[in-house]
Amino acid sequence: MKNLKQTFVAVGILALALLPAWAGGGVKIIANPSVKADSISADELKSVFLEETSSLRDGSHVEPVLLKGGAASESFAKDYLGKSESDLQSYYRSLVFTGKAPMPKMVGSDSEVAAYVAKTKGAIGYVAAESSADGVKTLAVK
């Protein structure tokens, strides 16, 4: 009985340790230092990346930049936008086709996202949680 309790405790601790990865912890949201906000709501993040708005609640103008593929891109699309990567691409193509919005900036690697965000006023993007991203600020998602 004692071993069973220890097993449950160990499983519980492991589950808590993995919780950030299950809850969108596979990516971190980064922004150019010109963005005033230090945090962003999940709804606000979704609105920015679905091209529904181009500014945050604090008035900061933002421009999204996305990864062209990979685990971080899949995680971001699923966890924050509620879409698969292919659904997201179709969504963007429909915005372009109907003239509602231009195709967002897309780059091929975490380092390219970080470099673009660092040099572009108002840029906001995401990188794998373990990636280093110099010259940008990390936004907490609430």
Protein backbone atom coordinates (compact mmCIF):
# COMPACT_ATOMS: atom_id res chain seq x y z
CA MET A 1 0.00 0.00 0.00
CA LYS A 2 2.86 2.35 0.83
CA ASN A 3 4.48 1.71 -2.58
CA LEU A 4 1.19 2.46 -4.29
CA LYS A 5 0.99 5.86 -2.55
CA GLN A 6 4.59 6.62 -3.53
CA THR A 7 3.80 5.72 -7.14
CA PHE A 8 0.78 8.05 -7.18
CA VAL A 9 2.84 10.86 -5.67
CA ALA A 10 5.59 10.33 -8.27
CA VAL A 11 3.05 10.32 -11.12
CA GLY A 12 1.46 13.50 -9.73
CA ILE A 13 4.80 15.28 -9.54
CA LEU A 14 5.65 14.21 -13.09
CA ALA A 15 2.27 15.43 -14.34
CA LEU A 16 2.82 18.83 -12.72
CA ALA A 17 6.27 19.07 -14.25
CA LEU A 18 4.89 18.33 -17.71
CA LEU A 19 1.83 20.58 -17.41
CA PRO A 20 3.46 23.62 -19.08
CA ALA A 21 4.25 21.55 -22.17
CA TRP A 22 0.65 20.35 -22.35
CA ALA A 23 -0.74 23.87 -21.91
CA GLY A 24 1.09 25.67 -24.69
CA GLY A 25 4.40 25.51 -22.85
CA GLY A 26 6.13 24.31 -26.02
CA VAL A 27 6.54 27.90 -27.18
CA LYS A 28 7.24 31.31 -25.74
CA ILE A 29 5.76 34.50 -27.09
CA ILE A 30 8.30 37.19 -27.94
CA ALA A 31 7.88 40.84 -28.90
CA ASN A 32 9.97 43.75 -30.02
CA PRO A 33 10.94 45.96 -27.05
CA SER A 34 8.76 48.74 -28.54
CA VAL A 35 5.68 46.75 -27.49
CA LYS A 36 4.60 48.23 -24.16
CA ALA A 37 2.84 45.15 -22.80
CA ASP A 38 4.57 42.58 -20.62
CA SER A 39 1.71 40.11 -20.91
CA ILE A 40 -0.99 39.19 -23.38
CA SER A 41 -4.26 37.34 -22.95
CA ALA A 42 -4.80 34.14 -24.90
CA ASP A 43 -7.77 35.78 -26.67
CA GLU A 44 -5.72 38.83 -27.59
CA LEU A 45 -2.91 36.62 -28.90
CA LYS A 46 -5.39 34.67 -31.02
CA SER A 47 -6.89 37.89 -32.44
CA VAL A 48 -3.46 39.21 -33.41
CA PHE A 49 -2.34 36.02 -35.13
CA LEU A 50 -5.67 35.52 -36.89
CA GLU A 51 -5.31 39.07 -38.26
CA GLU A 52 -8.50 40.24 -36.49
CA THR A 53 -6.66 43.12 -34.79
CA SER A 54 -3.32 44.86 -35.22
CA SER A 55 -3.03 46.40 -31.78
CA LEU A 56 -2.97 45.27 -28.18
CA ARG A 57 -5.28 46.56 -25.45
CA ASP A 58 -2.52 48.97 -24.33
CA GLY A 59 -2.51 50.55 -27.80
CA SER A 60 0.73 48.96 -29.02
CA HIS A 61 0.64 48.28 -32.76
CA VAL A 62 1.76 44.71 -33.46
CA GLU A 63 2.76 42.72 -36.52
CA PRO A 64 2.74 38.91 -36.23
CA VAL A 65 5.56 36.73 -37.56
CA LEU A 66 5.21 32.96 -37.82
CA LEU A 67 7.38 29.92 -38.29
CA LYS A 68 6.86 28.06 -41.59
CA GLY A 69 6.64 24.71 -39.85
CA GLY A 70 8.01 22.43 -37.16
CA ALA A 71 7.05 21.42 -33.65
CA ALA A 72 6.85 24.97 -32.26
CA SER A 73 4.60 26.05 -35.12
CA GLU A 74 2.32 23.03 -34.68
CA SER A 75 2.15 23.63 -30.92
CA PHE A 76 1.38 27.33 -31.33
CA ALA A 77 -1.32 26.78 -33.96
CA LYS A 78 -3.02 24.05 -31.94
CA ASP A 79 -2.66 25.46 -28.41
CA TYR A 80 -3.24 29.16 -29.05
CA LEU A 81 -5.19 29.37 -32.30
CA GLY A 82 -7.18 26.13 -32.14
CA LYS A 83 -6.14 25.16 -35.67
CA SER A 84 -3.88 22.69 -37.39
CA GLU A 85 -1.02 24.16 -39.41
CA SER A 86 -2.76 23.30 -42.69
CA ASP A 87 -6.02 24.87 -41.47
CA LEU A 88 -4.08 27.98 -40.48
CA GLN A 89 -2.47 28.22 -43.93
CA SER A 90 -5.90 27.87 -45.57
CA TYR A 91 -7.25 30.56 -43.26
CA TYR A 92 -4.47 32.99 -44.23
CA ARG A 93 -4.91 32.24 -47.94
CA SER A 94 -8.64 33.02 -47.65
CA LEU A 95 -7.84 36.37 -45.99
CA VAL A 96 -5.45 37.25 -48.82
CA PHE A 97 -7.83 36.03 -51.52
CA THR A 98 -10.73 38.11 -50.17
CA GLY A 99 -8.53 41.17 -49.66
CA LYS A 100 -9.12 41.27 -45.92
CA ALA A 101 -5.47 41.01 -44.89
CA PRO A 102 -2.01 40.40 -46.31
CA MET A 103 -0.18 37.13 -45.69
CA PRO A 104 1.70 37.44 -42.38
CA LYS A 105 5.48 37.35 -42.34
CA MET A 106 6.73 33.75 -42.20
CA VAL A 107 10.29 32.61 -41.58
CA GLY A 108 12.03 29.25 -41.36
CA SER A 109 13.63 29.06 -37.92
CA ASP A 110 13.46 30.24 -34.32
CA SER A 111 16.59 32.33 -34.84
CA GLU A 112 15.00 34.05 -37.85
CA VAL A 113 11.86 34.81 -35.83
CA ALA A 114 13.94 36.25 -32.99
CA ALA A 115 16.07 38.33 -35.37
CA TYR A 116 13.01 39.70 -37.20
CA VAL A 117 11.18 40.51 -33.97
CA ALA A 118 14.28 42.18 -32.51
CA LYS A 119 14.69 44.54 -35.49
CA THR A 120 11.03 45.20 -36.39
CA LYS A 121 9.08 47.73 -34.34
CA GLY A 122 5.85 46.16 -33.09
CA ALA A 123 6.73 42.63 -34.18
CA ILE A 124 5.36 39.72 -32.15
CA GLY A 125 6.15 36.06 -32.69
CA TYR A 126 6.81 32.75 -31.03
CA VAL A 127 9.78 30.43 -30.70
CA ALA A 128 10.34 27.07 -29.08
CA ALA A 129 10.35 27.48 -25.29
CA GLU A 130 13.97 26.41 -25.00
CA SER A 131 15.22 28.78 -27.74
CA SER A 132 17.34 31.78 -26.88
CA ALA A 133 16.03 35.06 -28.23
CA ASP A 134 18.32 38.05 -27.75
CA GLY A 135 17.07 41.60 -28.20
CA VAL A 136 13.40 40.78 -27.60
CA LYS A 137 11.09 40.61 -24.62
CA THR A 138 9.09 37.56 -23.59
CA LEU A 139 5.37 38.14 -23.04
CA ALA A 140 3.52 36.15 -20.42
CA VAL A 141 0.30 34.63 -21.72
CA LYS A 142 -2.57 35.02 -19.28
